[in-house]
């Protein structure tokens, strides 16, 4: 899984391979909600 910040657009991208799991203004490392939804899209369920 890869997380990148595109400064010129002020957008965060979280991807795995060619698949984009998250694209938005908020840093995914600072939001558990974003991480959970991205992992859910990948097929991983969280215990909490």
Protein backbone atom coordinates (compact mmCIF):
# COMPACT_ATOMS: atom_id res chain seq x y z
CA UNK A 1 0.00 0.00 0.00
CA UNK A 2 1.31 3.43 -0.92
CA UNK A 3 0.35 6.86 0.39
CA UNK A 4 1.42 9.95 -1.53
CA UNK A 5 0.75 13.66 -1.20
CA UNK A 6 0.47 15.64 -4.43
CA UNK A 7 1.34 19.14 -3.31
CA UNK A 8 0.40 20.98 -6.48
CA UNK A 9 -3.21 19.73 -6.12
CA UNK A 10 -3.14 19.37 -2.31
CA UNK A 11 -4.53 15.84 -2.60
CA UNK A 12 -3.61 12.65 -0.75
CA UNK A 13 -3.66 9.35 -2.64
CA UNK A 14 -3.68 5.91 -1.07
CA UNK A 15 -3.24 3.11 -3.57
CA UNK A 16 -2.38 -0.54 -3.88
CA UNK A 17 -1.04 -1.42 -7.30
CA UNK A 18 -3.18 0.35 -9.89
CA UNK A 19 -6.15 0.58 -7.54
CA UNK A 20 -6.85 3.89 -5.77
CA UNK A 21 -8.26 3.27 -2.28
CA UNK A 22 -8.51 6.90 -1.16
CA UNK A 23 -8.21 10.30 -2.84
CA UNK A 24 -8.93 13.42 -0.83
CA UNK A 25 -7.76 16.47 1.09
CA UNK A 26 -7.24 14.78 4.47
CA UNK A 27 -4.08 12.87 5.41
CA UNK A 28 -5.10 9.19 5.63
CA UNK A 29 -2.46 8.44 8.28
CA UNK A 30 -4.21 10.86 10.68
CA UNK A 31 -7.73 9.51 10.26
CA UNK A 32 -8.70 6.01 11.41
CA UNK A 33 -12.04 6.38 9.58
CA UNK A 34 -10.29 6.87 6.24
CA UNK A 35 -7.89 3.98 6.89
CA UNK A 36 -10.76 1.66 7.80
CA UNK A 37 -12.78 2.53 4.70
CA UNK A 38 -9.72 2.11 2.45
CA UNK A 39 -8.87 -1.26 3.98
CA UNK A 40 -12.52 -2.32 3.70
CA UNK A 41 -12.38 -1.60 -0.03
CA UNK A 42 -9.33 -3.84 -0.20
CA UNK A 43 -11.24 -6.62 1.59
CA UNK A 44 -9.70 -6.35 5.07
CA UNK A 45 -12.05 -6.18 8.05
CA UNK A 46 -11.00 -4.41 11.25
CA UNK A 47 -11.59 -5.96 14.68
CA UNK A 48 -12.73 -2.69 16.29
